[in-house]
Amino acid sequence: MKIKLLAAALFAVIPSAFAADNCPATPKDKWLRAEEIQSRLESRGYEVRRIKREGGCFEVYAKKDGKRVDAYVSPADGAIVKEKVKPS
Protein backbone atom coordinates (compact mmCIF):
# COMPACT_ATOMS: atom_id res chain seq x y z
CA MET A 1 0.00 0.00 0.00
CA LYS A 2 2.80 2.41 0.92
CA ILE A 3 4.60 1.67 -2.34
CA LYS A 4 1.51 2.51 -4.40
CA LEU A 5 1.08 5.78 -2.51
CA LEU A 6 4.74 6.69 -2.98
CA ALA A 7 4.58 5.84 -6.70
CA ALA A 8 1.46 7.98 -7.14
CA ALA A 9 3.15 10.92 -5.39
CA LEU A 10 6.23 10.62 -7.61
CA PHE A 11 4.19 10.51 -10.80
CA ALA A 12 2.31 13.62 -9.69
CA VAL A 13 5.54 15.57 -9.14
CA ILE A 14 7.61 14.43 -12.13
CA PRO A 15 5.69 16.26 -14.93
CA SER A 16 5.89 19.66 -13.24
CA ALA A 17 9.55 19.12 -12.36
CA PHE A 18 10.27 18.22 -15.99
CA ALA A 19 8.62 21.35 -17.28
CA ALA A 20 10.22 23.60 -14.69
CA ASP A 21 13.65 22.35 -15.75
CA ASN A 22 12.95 23.29 -19.36
CA CYS A 23 11.70 26.82 -18.73
CA PRO A 24 14.44 29.43 -18.61
CA ALA A 25 15.24 30.84 -15.20
CA THR A 26 13.51 34.21 -15.39
CA PRO A 27 13.10 36.65 -12.51
CA LYS A 28 9.41 37.02 -11.61
CA ASP A 29 9.48 40.74 -12.41
CA LYS A 30 10.48 39.89 -16.02
CA TRP A 31 7.68 37.38 -16.59
CA LEU A 32 5.06 38.11 -19.23
CA ARG A 33 1.58 38.58 -17.84
CA ALA A 34 -0.90 35.72 -18.17
CA GLU A 35 -2.98 37.92 -20.50
CA GLU A 36 0.04 38.29 -22.82
CA ILE A 37 0.60 34.53 -22.84
CA GLN A 38 -3.08 34.02 -23.65
CA SER A 39 -2.98 36.55 -26.47
CA ARG A 40 0.12 34.96 -28.02
CA LEU A 41 -1.37 31.47 -27.88
CA GLU A 42 -4.72 32.61 -29.28
CA SER A 43 -2.91 34.20 -32.22
CA ARG A 44 -1.49 30.70 -32.91
CA GLY A 45 -4.93 29.08 -32.91
CA TYR A 46 -5.29 27.98 -29.29
CA GLU A 47 -8.55 28.48 -27.40
CA VAL A 48 -7.21 29.12 -23.90
CA ARG A 49 -9.34 27.79 -21.04
CA ARG A 50 -7.06 28.35 -18.04
CA ILE A 51 -3.58 29.60 -17.21
CA LYS A 52 -1.74 29.11 -13.94
CA ARG A 53 1.82 29.48 -12.69
CA GLU A 54 3.53 26.15 -12.14
CA GLY A 55 7.10 26.27 -10.90
CA GLY A 56 9.10 28.31 -13.39
CA CYS A 57 6.51 28.01 -16.18
CA PHE A 58 2.95 28.88 -17.03
CA GLU A 59 0.73 25.82 -17.31
CA VAL A 60 -1.93 26.36 -19.95
CA TYR A 61 -5.09 24.34 -20.53
CA ALA A 62 -6.49 24.96 -24.00
CA LYS A 63 -8.09 23.50 -27.11
CA LYS A 64 -6.60 23.46 -30.57
CA ASP A 65 -8.09 21.82 -33.65
CA GLY A 66 -10.83 20.36 -31.45
CA LYS A 67 -8.38 18.58 -29.12
CA ARG A 68 -7.55 19.34 -25.51
CA VAL A 69 -4.01 20.56 -24.94
CA ASP A 70 -1.97 20.90 -21.76
CA ALA A 71 1.09 23.05 -22.37
CA TYR A 72 3.97 24.45 -20.36
CA VAL A 73 4.90 27.90 -21.59
CA SER A 74 8.05 29.91 -20.96
CA PRO A 75 7.30 33.05 -18.95
CA ALA A 76 10.16 34.88 -20.65
CA ASP A 77 8.99 34.74 -24.26
CA GLY A 78 5.76 32.73 -24.44
CA ALA A 79 7.39 29.76 -26.20
CA ILE A 80 5.79 26.35 -25.65
CA VAL A 81 8.28 24.20 -23.74
CA LYS A 82 6.19 21.05 -23.53
CA GLU A 83 2.81 20.16 -24.95
CA LYS A 84 0.53 17.19 -24.40
CA VAL A 85 -2.41 16.70 -26.76
CA LYS A 86 -5.33 14.72 -25.37
CA PRO A 87 -8.28 13.24 -27.22
CA SER A 88 -11.41 15.42 -27.01
C-alpha atoms as a PDB file:
ATOM      1  CA  MET A   1       0.000   0.000   0.000  1.00  0.00           C
ATOM      2  CA  LYS A   2       2.796   2.411   0.917  1.00  0.00           C
ATOM      3  CA  ILE A   3       4.599   1.668  -2.344  1.00  0.00           C
ATOM      4  CA  LYS A   4       1.510   2.511  -4.401  1.00  0.00           C
ATOM      5  CA  LEU A   5       1.076   5.779  -2.509  1.00  0.00           C
ATOM      6  CA  LEU A   6       4.743   6.687  -2.984  1.00  0.00           C
ATOM      7  CA  ALA A   7       4.581   5.843  -6.698  1.00  0.00           C
ATOM      8  CA  ALA A   8       1.461   7.984  -7.144  1.00  0.00           C
ATOM      9  CA  ALA A   9       3.148  10.917  -5.394  1.00  0.00           C
ATOM     10  CA  LEU A  10       6.232  10.619  -7.609  1.00  0.00           C
ATOM     11  CA  PHE A  11       4.186  10.507 -10.802  1.00  0.00           C
ATOM     12  CA  ALA A  12       2.310  13.615  -9.691  1.00  0.00           C
ATOM     13  CA  VAL A  13       5.545  15.573  -9.144  1.00  0.00           C
ATOM     14  CA  ILE A  14       7.610  14.429 -12.128  1.00  0.00           C
ATOM     15  CA  PRO A  15       5.695  16.258 -14.926  1.00  0.00           C
ATOM     16  CA  SER A  16       5.887  19.663 -13.241  1.00  0.00           C
ATOM     17  CA  ALA A  17       9.551  19.119 -12.358  1.00  0.00           C
ATOM     18  CA  PHE A  18      10.271  18.218 -15.987  1.00  0.00           C
ATOM     19  CA  ALA A  19       8.622  21.350 -17.283  1.00  0.00           C
ATOM     20  CA  ALA A  20      10.221  23.601 -14.694  1.00  0.00           C
ATOM     21  CA  ASP A  21      13.655  22.350 -15.749  1.00  0.00           C
ATOM     22  CA  ASN A  22      12.947  23.291 -19.357  1.00  0.00           C
ATOM     23  CA  CYS A  23      11.702  26.825 -18.728  1.00  0.00           C
ATOM     24  CA  PRO A  24      14.443  29.426 -18.610  1.00  0.00           C
ATOM     25  CA  ALA A  25      15.237  30.842 -15.201  1.00  0.00           C
ATOM     26  CA  THR A  26      13.513  34.212 -15.394  1.00  0.00           C
ATOM     27  CA  PRO A  27      13.101  36.649 -12.513  1.00  0.00           C
ATOM     28  CA  LYS A  28       9.413  37.016 -11.606  1.00  0.00           C
ATOM     29  CA  ASP A  29       9.483  40.742 -12.412  1.00  0.00           C
ATOM     30  CA  LYS A  30      10.483  39.888 -16.017  1.00  0.00           C
ATOM     31  CA  TRP A  31       7.675  37.379 -16.588  1.00  0.00           C
ATOM     32  CA  LEU A  32       5.063  38.109 -19.230  1.00  0.00           C
ATOM     33  CA  ARG A  33       1.579  38.582 -17.836  1.00  0.00           C
ATOM     34  CA  ALA A  34      -0.900  35.723 -18.166  1.00  0.00           C
ATOM     35  CA  GLU A  35      -2.976  37.916 -20.503  1.00  0.00           C
ATOM     36  CA  GLU A  36       0.043  38.294 -22.822  1.00  0.00           C
ATOM     37  CA  ILE A  37       0.602  34.527 -22.838  1.00  0.00           C
ATOM     38  CA  GLN A  38      -3.085  34.015 -23.646  1.00  0.00           C
ATOM     39  CA  SER A  39      -2.980  36.550 -26.471  1.00  0.00           C
ATOM     40  CA  ARG A  40       0.115  34.965 -28.024  1.00  0.00           C
ATOM     41  CA  LEU A  41      -1.372  31.474 -27.879  1.00  0.00           C
ATOM     42  CA  GLU A  42      -4.722  32.610 -29.283  1.00  0.00           C
ATOM     43  CA  SER A  43      -2.909  34.196 -32.221  1.00  0.00           C
ATOM     44  CA  ARG A  44      -1.492  30.702 -32.906  1.00  0.00           C
ATOM     45  CA  GLY A  45      -4.935  29.082 -32.910  1.00  0.00           C
ATOM     46  CA  TYR A  46      -5.293  27.978 -29.289  1.00  0.00           C
ATOM     47  CA  GLU A  47      -8.548  28.484 -27.400  1.00  0.00           C
ATOM     48  CA  VAL A  48      -7.213  29.120 -23.899  1.00  0.00           C
ATOM     49  CA  ARG A  49      -9.339  27.794 -21.040  1.00  0.00           C
ATOM     50  CA  ARG A  50      -7.064  28.346 -18.037  1.00  0.00           C
ATOM     51  CA  ILE A  51      -3.576  29.598 -17.212  1.00  0.00           C
ATOM     52  CA  LYS A  52      -1.742  29.107 -13.945  1.00  0.00           C
ATOM     53  CA  ARG A  53       1.823  29.477 -12.693  1.00  0.00           C
ATOM     54  CA  GLU A  54       3.527  26.146 -12.142  1.00  0.00           C
ATOM     55  CA  GLY A  55       7.095  26.266 -10.900  1.00  0.00           C
ATOM     56  CA  GLY A  56       9.098  28.312 -13.394  1.00  0.00           C
ATOM     57  CA  CYS A  57       6.510  28.011 -16.182  1.00  0.00           C
ATOM     58  CA  PHE A  58       2.952  28.877 -17.028  1.00  0.00           C
ATOM     59  CA  GLU A  59       0.729  25.822 -17.309  1.00  0.00           C
ATOM     60  CA  VAL A  60      -1.935  26.364 -19.945  1.00  0.00           C
ATOM     61  CA  TYR A  61      -5.093  24.337 -20.532  1.00  0.00           C
ATOM     62  CA  ALA A  62      -6.486  24.964 -23.996  1.00  0.00           C
ATOM     63  CA  LYS A  63      -8.086  23.499 -27.107  1.00  0.00           C
ATOM     64  CA  LYS A  64      -6.603  23.460 -30.572  1.00  0.00           C
ATOM     65  CA  ASP A  65      -8.087  21.824 -33.648  1.00  0.00           C
ATOM     66  CA  GLY A  66     -10.829  20.360 -31.445  1.00  0.00           C
ATOM     67  CA  LYS A  67      -8.382  18.584 -29.117  1.00  0.00           C
ATOM     68  CA  ARG A  68      -7.547  19.344 -25.506  1.00  0.00           C
ATOM     69  CA  VAL A  69      -4.007  20.559 -24.936  1.00  0.00           C
ATOM     70  CA  ASP A  70      -1.967  20.899 -21.755  1.00  0.00           C
ATOM     71  CA  ALA A  71       1.092  23.053 -22.366  1.00  0.00           C
ATOM     72  CA  TYR A  72       3.965  24.449 -20.358  1.00  0.00           C
ATOM     73  CA  VAL A  73       4.900  27.902 -21.589  1.00  0.00           C
ATOM     74  CA  SER A  74       8.053  29.909 -20.964  1.00  0.00           C
ATOM     75  CA  PRO A  75       7.298  33.049 -18.949  1.00  0.00           C
ATOM     76  CA  ALA A  76      10.165  34.879 -20.646  1.00  0.00           C
ATOM     77  CA  ASP A  77       8.987  34.736 -24.262  1.00  0.00           C
ATOM     78  CA  GLY A  78       5.758  32.731 -24.438  1.00  0.00           C
ATOM     79  CA  ALA A  79       7.390  29.763 -26.196  1.00  0.00           C
ATOM     80  CA  ILE A  80       5.795  26.355 -25.651  1.00  0.00           C
ATOM     81  CA  VAL A  81       8.284  24.202 -23.737  1.00  0.00           C
ATOM     82  CA  LYS A  82       6.187  21.046 -23.529  1.00  0.00           C
ATOM     83  CA  GLU A  83       2.805  20.160 -24.947  1.00  0.00           C
ATOM     84  CA  LYS A  84       0.526  17.195 -24.399  1.00  0.00           C
ATOM     85  CA  VAL A  85      -2.412  16.697 -26.762  1.00  0.00           C
ATOM     86  CA  LYS A  86      -5.325  14.716 -25.375  1.00  0.00           C
ATOM     87  CA  PRO A  87      -8.281  13.242 -27.222  1.00  0.00           C
ATOM     88  CA  SER A  88     -11.407  15.421 -27.008  1.00  0.00           C
END
